[in-house]
PDB file of N, CA and C in Angstrom:
ATOM      1  N   UNK A   1     -19.238   2.528  -2.940  1.00  0.00           N
ATOM      2  CA  UNK A   1     -17.883   2.007  -2.922  1.00  0.00           C
ATOM      3  C   UNK A   1     -17.213   2.511  -1.887  1.00  0.00           C
ATOM      4  N   UNK A   2     -16.901   1.633  -0.560  1.00  0.00           N
ATOM      5  CA  UNK A   2     -16.061   2.059   0.494  1.00  0.00           C
ATOM      6  C   UNK A   2     -14.945   2.763  -0.087  1.00  0.00           C
ATOM      7  N   UNK A   3     -14.118   3.650   0.780  1.00  0.00           N
ATOM      8  CA  UNK A   3     -13.078   4.108   0.285  1.00  0.00           C
ATOM      9  C   UNK A   3     -12.005   3.783   1.495  1.00  0.00           C
ATOM     10  N   UNK A   4     -11.038   3.917   1.650  1.00  0.00           N
ATOM     11  CA  UNK A   4      -9.818   3.941   2.628  1.00  0.00           C
ATOM     12  C   UNK A   4      -9.065   5.504   2.645  1.00  0.00           C
ATOM     13  N   UNK A   5      -8.790   5.791   3.620  1.00  0.00           N
ATOM     14  CA  UNK A   5      -8.005   7.250   3.490  1.00  0.00           C
ATOM     15  C   UNK A   5      -6.880   7.012   4.696  1.00  0.00           C
ATOM     16  N   UNK A   6      -5.673   7.211   4.098  1.00  0.00           N
ATOM     17  CA  UNK A   6      -4.441   7.306   4.549  1.00  0.00           C
ATOM     18  C   UNK A   6      -4.014   8.522   4.891  1.00  0.00           C
ATOM     19  N   UNK A   7      -3.462   8.952   6.206  1.00  0.00           N
ATOM     20  CA  UNK A   7      -3.021  10.093   6.347  1.00  0.00           C
ATOM     21  C   UNK A   7      -1.662  10.204   7.132  1.00  0.00           C
ATOM     22  N   UNK A   8      -0.658  10.500   6.212  1.00  0.00           N
ATOM     23  CA  UNK A   8       0.298  11.097   6.448  1.00  0.00           C
ATOM     24  C   UNK A   8       1.053  12.061   7.694  1.00  0.00           C
ATOM     25  N   UNK A   9       2.435  11.897   8.058  1.00  0.00           N
ATOM     26  CA  UNK A   9       2.658  12.920   9.086  1.00  0.00           C
ATOM     27  C   UNK A   9       2.664  14.402   8.542  1.00  0.00           C
ATOM     28  N   UNK A  10       2.892  14.141   7.249  1.00  0.00           N
ATOM     29  CA  UNK A  10       3.040  15.702   6.337  1.00  0.00           C
ATOM     30  C   UNK A  10       1.780  16.135   5.829  1.00  0.00           C
ATOM     31  N   UNK A  11       0.553  15.383   6.143  1.00  0.00           N
ATOM     32  CA  UNK A  11      -0.714  15.756   5.773  1.00  0.00           C
ATOM     33  C   UNK A  11      -1.378  15.095   4.477  1.00  0.00           C
ATOM     34  N   UNK A  12      -0.275  14.278   3.950  1.00  0.00           N
ATOM     35  CA  UNK A  12      -0.505  13.628   2.607  1.00  0.00           C
ATOM     36  C   UNK A  12      -1.560  12.601   2.891  1.00  0.00           C
ATOM     37  N   UNK A  13      -2.940  12.544   1.862  1.00  0.00           N
ATOM     38  CA  UNK A  13      -3.587  12.090   2.332  1.00  0.00           C
ATOM     39  C   UNK A  13      -4.002  11.082   0.963  1.00  0.00           C
ATOM     40  N   UNK A  14      -4.177   9.875   1.023  1.00  0.00           N
ATOM     41  CA  UNK A  14      -4.001   8.832  -0.314  1.00  0.00           C
ATOM     42  C   UNK A  14      -5.424   8.179   0.033  1.00  0.00           C
ATOM     43  N   UNK A  15      -6.200   8.241  -1.231  1.00  0.00           N
ATOM     44  CA  UNK A  15      -7.587   7.905  -0.913  1.00  0.00           C
ATOM     45  C   UNK A  15      -7.315   6.472  -1.750  1.00  0.00           C
ATOM     46  N   UNK A  16      -7.986   5.183  -1.193  1.00  0.00           N
ATOM     47  CA  UNK A  16      -7.831   4.112  -2.383  1.00  0.00           C
ATOM     48  C   UNK A  16      -9.213   3.248  -2.056  1.00  0.00           C
ATOM     49  N   UNK A  17      -9.834   3.452  -3.282  1.00  0.00           N
ATOM     50  CA  UNK A  17     -11.415   2.860  -3.491  1.00  0.00           C
ATOM     51  C   UNK A  17     -11.245   1.509  -3.413  1.00  0.00           C
ATOM     52  N   UNK A  18     -10.215   0.937  -3.425  1.00  0.00           N
ATOM     53  CA  UNK A  18     -10.463  -0.652  -3.680  1.00  0.00           C
ATOM     54  C   UNK A  18     -10.270  -1.416  -2.561  1.00  0.00           C
ATOM     55  N   UNK A  19     -11.081  -1.878  -1.905  1.00  0.00           N
ATOM     56  CA  UNK A  19     -11.136  -2.952  -0.562  1.00  0.00           C
ATOM     57  C   UNK A  19     -11.174  -4.130  -0.270  1.00  0.00           C
ATOM     58  N   UNK A  20     -11.429  -4.976  -1.236  1.00  0.00           N
ATOM     59  CA  UNK A  20     -11.457  -6.197  -1.472  1.00  0.00           C
ATOM     60  C   UNK A  20     -11.407  -6.764  -2.772  1.00  0.00           C
ATOM     61  N   UNK A  21     -11.097  -8.007  -3.351  1.00  0.00           N
ATOM     62  CA  UNK A  21     -11.074  -8.583  -4.776  1.00  0.00           C
ATOM     63  C   UNK A  21     -12.340  -8.455  -5.399  1.00  0.00           C
ATOM     64  N   UNK A  22     -13.634  -8.483  -4.878  1.00  0.00           N
ATOM     65  CA  UNK A  22     -14.908  -8.037  -5.798  1.00  0.00           C
ATOM     66  C   UNK A  22     -14.725  -6.636  -5.944  1.00  0.00           C
ATOM     67  N   UNK A  23     -14.544  -5.695  -5.786  1.00  0.00           N
ATOM     68  CA  UNK A  23     -14.609  -4.435  -5.928  1.00  0.00           C
ATOM     69  C   UNK A  23     -13.854  -4.145  -7.641  1.00  0.00           C
ATOM     70  N   UNK A  24     -14.278  -3.084  -7.835  1.00  0.00           N
ATOM     71  CA  UNK A  24     -13.684  -2.818  -9.598  1.00  0.00           C
ATOM     72  C   UNK A  24     -12.430  -3.028  -9.851  1.00  0.00           C
ATOM     73  N   UNK A  25     -11.785  -3.196 -11.142  1.00  0.00           N
ATOM     74  CA  UNK A  25     -10.375  -3.677 -11.336  1.00  0.00           C
ATOM     75  C   UNK A  25      -9.695  -3.086 -10.958  1.00  0.00           C
ATOM     76  N   UNK A  26      -8.425  -3.311 -10.639  1.00  0.00           N
ATOM     77  CA  UNK A  26      -7.155  -2.697 -10.370  1.00  0.00           C
ATOM     78  C   UNK A  26      -6.734  -1.327 -11.167  1.00  0.00           C
ATOM     79  N   UNK A  27      -6.620  -0.439 -10.614  1.00  0.00           N
ATOM     80  CA  UNK A  27      -6.114   1.229 -10.696  1.00  0.00           C
ATOM     81  C   UNK A  27      -4.789   0.778 -11.318  1.00  0.00           C
ATOM     82  N   UNK A  28      -4.367   0.717 -12.426  1.00  0.00           N
ATOM     83  CA  UNK A  28      -2.858   0.799 -13.300  1.00  0.00           C
ATOM     84  C   UNK A  28      -1.882   1.951 -12.712  1.00  0.00           C
ATOM     85  N   UNK A  29      -2.905   3.036 -12.882  1.00  0.00           N
ATOM     86  CA  UNK A  29      -1.735   4.209 -12.396  1.00  0.00           C
ATOM     87  C   UNK A  29      -1.934   4.407 -11.159  1.00  0.00           C
ATOM     88  N   UNK A  30      -2.935   3.878  -9.979  1.00  0.00           N
ATOM     89  CA  UNK A  30      -2.080   4.045  -8.461  1.00  0.00           C
ATOM     90  C   UNK A  30      -1.469   3.039  -8.251  1.00  0.00           C
ATOM     91  N   UNK A  31      -1.231   1.952  -8.992  1.00  0.00           N
ATOM     92  CA  UNK A  31      -0.363   0.825  -8.574  1.00  0.00           C
ATOM     93  C   UNK A  31       0.867   1.185  -8.835  1.00  0.00           C
ATOM     94  N   UNK A  32       1.050   1.897  -9.930  1.00  0.00           N
ATOM     95  CA  UNK A  32       2.539   2.320 -10.312  1.00  0.00           C
ATOM     96  C   UNK A  32       2.908   3.613  -9.358  1.00  0.00           C
ATOM     97  N   UNK A  33       1.750   4.279  -8.809  1.00  0.00           N
ATOM     98  CA  UNK A  33       2.428   5.539  -7.854  1.00  0.00           C
ATOM     99  C   UNK A  33       2.951   4.800  -6.900  1.00  0.00           C
ATOM    100  N   UNK A  34       2.234   3.687  -6.120  1.00  0.00           N
ATOM    101  CA  UNK A  34       2.446   3.102  -5.031  1.00  0.00           C
ATOM    102  C   UNK A  34       3.664   2.193  -4.851  1.00  0.00           C
ATOM    103  N   UNK A  35       3.667   1.544  -5.895  1.00  0.00           N
ATOM    104  CA  UNK A  35       5.095   1.023  -6.155  1.00  0.00           C
ATOM    105  C   UNK A  35       6.554   1.588  -6.063  1.00  0.00           C
ATOM    106  N   UNK A  36       6.058   2.967  -6.601  1.00  0.00           N
ATOM    107  CA  UNK A  36       7.341   4.141  -6.842  1.00  0.00           C
ATOM    108  C   UNK A  36       7.221   5.054  -5.475  1.00  0.00           C
ATOM    109  N   UNK A  37       6.291   5.448  -4.597  1.00  0.00           N
ATOM    110  CA  UNK A  37       5.909   6.120  -3.889  1.00  0.00           C
ATOM    111  C   UNK A  37       7.431   6.044  -2.668  1.00  0.00           C
ATOM    112  N   UNK A  38       7.650   7.151  -1.949  1.00  0.00           N
ATOM    113  CA  UNK A  38       8.572   7.561  -1.293  1.00  0.00           C
ATOM    114  C   UNK A  38       7.741   7.622   0.166  1.00  0.00           C
ATOM    115  N   UNK A  39       7.439   6.244   0.614  1.00  0.00           N
ATOM    116  CA  UNK A  39       6.480   6.156   1.875  1.00  0.00           C
ATOM    117  C   UNK A  39       7.115   6.590   2.705  1.00  0.00           C
ATOM    118  N   UNK A  40       8.425   6.979   2.956  1.00  0.00           N
ATOM    119  CA  UNK A  40       9.241   6.919   4.100  1.00  0.00           C
ATOM    120  C   UNK A  40       8.974   8.499   4.346  1.00  0.00           C
ATOM    121  N   UNK A  41       9.291   9.420   3.343  1.00  0.00           N
ATOM    122  CA  UNK A  41       8.890  10.669   3.052  1.00  0.00           C
ATOM    123  C   UNK A  41       7.768  11.195   3.294  1.00  0.00           C
ATOM    124  N   UNK A  42       6.765  10.449   2.567  1.00  0.00           N
ATOM    125  CA  UNK A  42       5.280  11.078   2.287  1.00  0.00           C
ATOM    126  C   UNK A  42       4.725  10.634   3.543  1.00  0.00           C
ATOM    127  N   UNK A  43       4.831   9.524   4.126  1.00  0.00           N
ATOM    128  CA  UNK A  43       4.236   9.018   5.049  1.00  0.00           C
ATOM    129  C   UNK A  43       4.480   9.129   6.492  1.00  0.00           C
ATOM    130  N   UNK A  44       5.738   9.215   6.555  1.00  0.00           N
ATOM    131  CA  UNK A  44       6.709   9.388   7.855  1.00  0.00           C
ATOM    132  C   UNK A  44       6.830   7.959   8.412  1.00  0.00           C
ATOM    133  N   UNK A  45       6.751   6.922   7.394  1.00  0.00           N
ATOM    134  CA  UNK A  45       6.812   5.841   8.085  1.00  0.00           C
ATOM    135  C   UNK A  45       8.198   5.259   8.372  1.00  0.00           C
ATOM    136  N   UNK A  46       8.799   4.476   9.490  1.00  0.00           N
ATOM    137  CA  UNK A  46      10.115   4.191   9.524  1.00  0.00           C
ATOM    138  C   UNK A  46      10.490   3.080   8.423  1.00  0.00           C
ATOM    139  N   UNK A  47      11.748   3.079   7.918  1.00  0.00           N
ATOM    140  CA  UNK A  47      12.241   2.026   6.765  1.00  0.00           C
ATOM    141  C   UNK A  47      11.812   1.034   7.125  1.00  0.00           C
ATOM    142  N   UNK A  48      12.130   0.110   8.120  1.00  0.00           N
ATOM    143  CA  UNK A  48      11.550  -1.114   8.403  1.00  0.00           C
ATOM    144  C   UNK A  48      10.070  -1.799   8.220  1.00  0.00           C
ATOM    145  N   UNK A  49       9.112  -0.431   8.216  1.00  0.00           N
ATOM    146  CA  UNK A  49       7.888  -0.894   8.132  1.00  0.00           C
ATOM    147  C   UNK A  49       7.439  -0.531   6.466  1.00  0.00           C
ATOM    148  N   UNK A  50       8.380   0.129   5.875  1.00  0.00           N
ATOM    149  CA  UNK A  50       7.830   0.484   4.739  1.00  0.00           C
ATOM    150  C   UNK A  50       7.298  -0.433   3.637  1.00  0.00           C
ATOM    151  N   UNK A  51       7.960  -1.673   3.554  1.00  0.00           N
ATOM    152  CA  UNK A  51       7.535  -2.829   2.908  1.00  0.00           C
ATOM    153  C   UNK A  51       6.111  -3.099   3.292  1.00  0.00           C
ATOM    154  N   UNK A  52       5.990  -3.042   4.356  1.00  0.00           N
ATOM    155  CA  UNK A  52       4.685  -3.545   4.940  1.00  0.00           C
ATOM    156  C   UNK A  52       3.473  -3.002   4.596  1.00  0.00           C
ATOM    157  N   UNK A  53       4.126  -1.505   4.732  1.00  0.00           N
ATOM    158  CA  UNK A  53       2.665  -0.524   4.482  1.00  0.00           C
ATOM    159  C   UNK A  53       2.655  -0.718   2.968  1.00  0.00           C
ATOM    160  N   UNK A  54       3.747  -0.648   2.109  1.00  0.00           N
ATOM    161  CA  UNK A  54       3.435  -0.612   0.614  1.00  0.00           C
ATOM    162  C   UNK A  54       2.390  -1.897   0.127  1.00  0.00           C
ATOM    163  N   UNK A  55       3.068  -2.908   1.033  1.00  0.00           N
ATOM    164  CA  UNK A  55       2.194  -3.913   0.646  1.00  0.00           C
ATOM    165  C   UNK A  55       0.724  -3.891   0.806  1.00  0.00           C
ATOM    166  N   UNK A  56       0.570  -3.338   2.094  1.00  0.00           N
ATOM    167  CA  UNK A  56      -1.093  -3.171   2.513  1.00  0.00           C
ATOM    168  C   UNK A  56      -2.136  -2.147   1.546  1.00  0.00           C
ATOM    169  N   UNK A  57      -1.322  -1.316   1.054  1.00  0.00           N
ATOM    170  CA  UNK A  57      -1.703  -0.301  -0.066  1.00  0.00           C
ATOM    171  C   UNK A  57      -1.885  -0.796  -1.078  1.00  0.00           C
ATOM    172  N   UNK A  58      -0.697  -1.492  -1.541  1.00  0.00           N
ATOM    173  CA  UNK A  58      -1.208  -2.566  -3.054  1.00  0.00           C
ATOM    174  C   UNK A  58      -2.473  -3.540  -2.955  1.00  0.00           C
ATOM    175  N   UNK A  59      -2.236  -4.087  -1.589  1.00  0.00           N
ATOM    176  CA  UNK A  59      -3.442  -4.971  -1.817  1.00  0.00           C
ATOM    177  C   UNK A  59      -4.471  -4.099  -1.760  1.00  0.00           C
ATOM    178  N   UNK A  60      -4.721  -3.250  -1.417  1.00  0.00           N
ATOM    179  CA  UNK A  60      -6.049  -2.073  -1.346  1.00  0.00           C
ATOM    180  C   UNK A  60      -6.271  -1.636  -2.846  1.00  0.00           C
ATOM    181  N   UNK A  61      -5.388  -1.358  -3.697  1.00  0.00           N
ATOM    182  CA  UNK A  61      -5.383  -0.877  -4.656  1.00  0.00           C
ATOM    183  C   UNK A  61      -5.326  -1.892  -5.681  1.00  0.00           C
ATOM    184  N   UNK A  62      -5.389  -3.091  -5.322  1.00  0.00           N
ATOM    185  CA  UNK A  62      -5.558  -4.454  -6.569  1.00  0.00           C
ATOM    186  C   UNK A  62      -4.449  -4.969  -6.959  1.00  0.00           C
ATOM    187  N   UNK A  63      -3.218  -4.898  -6.403  1.00  0.00           N
ATOM    188  CA  UNK A  63      -1.944  -5.434  -6.776  1.00  0.00           C
ATOM    189  C   UNK A  63      -1.754  -6.740  -5.913  1.00  0.00           C
ATOM    190  N   UNK A  64      -2.548  -7.659  -5.989  1.00  0.00           N
ATOM    191  CA  UNK A  64      -2.421  -8.598  -5.003  1.00  0.00           C
ATOM    192  C   UNK A  64      -1.272  -9.370  -4.881  1.00  0.00           C
ATOM    193  N   UNK A  65      -0.751  -9.680  -6.253  1.00  0.00           N
ATOM    194  CA  UNK A  65       0.647 -10.489  -6.453  1.00  0.00           C
ATOM    195  C   UNK A  65       1.621  -9.876  -6.169  1.00  0.00           C
ATOM    196  N   UNK A  66       2.071  -8.154  -6.193  1.00  0.00           N
ATOM    197  CA  UNK A  66       3.242  -7.653  -5.407  1.00  0.00           C
ATOM    198  C   UNK A  66       2.975  -7.747  -3.908  1.00  0.00           C
ATOM    199  N   UNK A  67       1.464  -7.322  -3.274  1.00  0.00           N
ATOM    200  CA  UNK A  67       1.538  -7.060  -2.113  1.00  0.00           C
ATOM    201  C   UNK A  67       2.139  -8.659  -1.348  1.00  0.00           C
ATOM    202  N   UNK A  68       1.405  -9.608  -2.014  1.00  0.00           N
ATOM    203  CA  UNK A  68       1.891 -10.840  -1.315  1.00  0.00           C
ATOM    204  C   UNK A  68       3.466 -11.124  -1.708  1.00  0.00           C
ATOM    205  N   UNK A  69       4.158 -10.527  -2.511  1.00  0.00           N
ATOM    206  CA  UNK A  69       5.727 -10.857  -2.493  1.00  0.00           C
ATOM    207  C   UNK A  69       6.181  -9.928  -1.575  1.00  0.00           C
ATOM    208  N   UNK A  70       5.857  -8.619  -1.248  1.00  0.00           N
ATOM    209  CA  UNK A  70       6.630  -7.939  -0.313  1.00  0.00           C
ATOM    210  C   UNK A  70       6.357  -8.411   1.100  1.00  0.00           C
ATOM    211  N   UNK A  71       5.448  -9.113   1.277  1.00  0.00           N
ATOM    212  CA  UNK A  71       5.085  -9.738   2.490  1.00  0.00           C
ATOM    213  C   UNK A  71       6.171 -11.030   2.900  1.00  0.00           C
ATOM    214  N   UNK A  72       5.967 -11.882   1.969  1.00  0.00           N
ATOM    215  CA  UNK A  72       6.824 -12.782   1.900  1.00  0.00           C
ATOM    216  C   UNK A  72       8.468 -12.496   1.724  1.00  0.00           C
ATOM    217  N   UNK A  73       8.585 -11.743   1.432  1.00  0.00           N
ATOM    218  CA  UNK A  73      10.083 -11.269   1.634  1.00  0.00           C
ATOM    219  C   UNK A  73      10.796 -10.794   3.039  1.00  0.00           C
ATOM    220  N   UNK A  74       9.488 -10.240   3.733  1.00  0.00           N
ATOM    221  CA  UNK A  74       9.497  -9.381   4.815  1.00  0.00           C
ATOM    222  C   UNK A  74      10.252 -10.444   6.390  1.00  0.00           C
ATOM    223  N   UNK A  75      11.219 -10.463   6.571  1.00  0.00           N
ATOM    224  CA  UNK A  75      11.941 -11.474   7.447  1.00  0.00           C
ATOM    225  C   UNK A  75      11.570 -11.330   8.850  1.00  0.00           C
ATOM    226  N   UNK A  76      10.621 -10.506   9.672  1.00  0.00           N
ATOM    227  CA  UNK A  76      10.508 -10.605  10.616  1.00  0.00           C
ATOM    228  C   UNK A  76       9.013 -10.931  11.151  1.00  0.00           C
ATOM    229  N   UNK A  77       8.806 -10.862  12.348  1.00  0.00           N
ATOM    230  CA  UNK A  77       7.416 -11.364  12.489  1.00  0.00           C
ATOM    231  C   UNK A  77       6.451 -10.465  12.206  1.00  0.00           C
ATOM    232  N   UNK A  78       6.320  -9.086  11.509  1.00  0.00           N
ATOM    233  CA  UNK A  78       5.201  -8.175  11.283  1.00  0.00           C
ATOM    234  C   UNK A  78       5.124  -9.007  10.068  1.00  0.00           C
ATOM    235  N   UNK A  79       5.953  -9.462   9.258  1.00  0.00           N
ATOM    236  CA  UNK A  79       5.648  -9.700   7.737  1.00  0.00           C
ATOM    237  C   UNK A  79       5.168 -11.414   7.655  1.00  0.00           C
ATOM    238  N   UNK A  80       5.398 -12.047   8.537  1.00  0.00           N
ATOM    239  CA  UNK A  80       4.767 -13.101   8.974  1.00  0.00           C
ATOM    240  C   UNK A  80       3.494 -12.865   9.162  1.00  0.00           C
TER     241      UNK A  80
END
């Protein structure tokens, strides 16, 4: 199984085992962590991109519905 590794500015590494809808079932514990994680602090992301980063991470973790909602709520060209 493929893994995605995301490294933040503070050396925090998040490994996501899910890369497509055909991979194993979503991990509820990982999804809960990603929904609540302070990505601005953990990953050094600017506030305006946090929803988009969170959406990509949730997509990879298997929370397709929430990932889609976050992108739809983005009011800029990146969200579109």
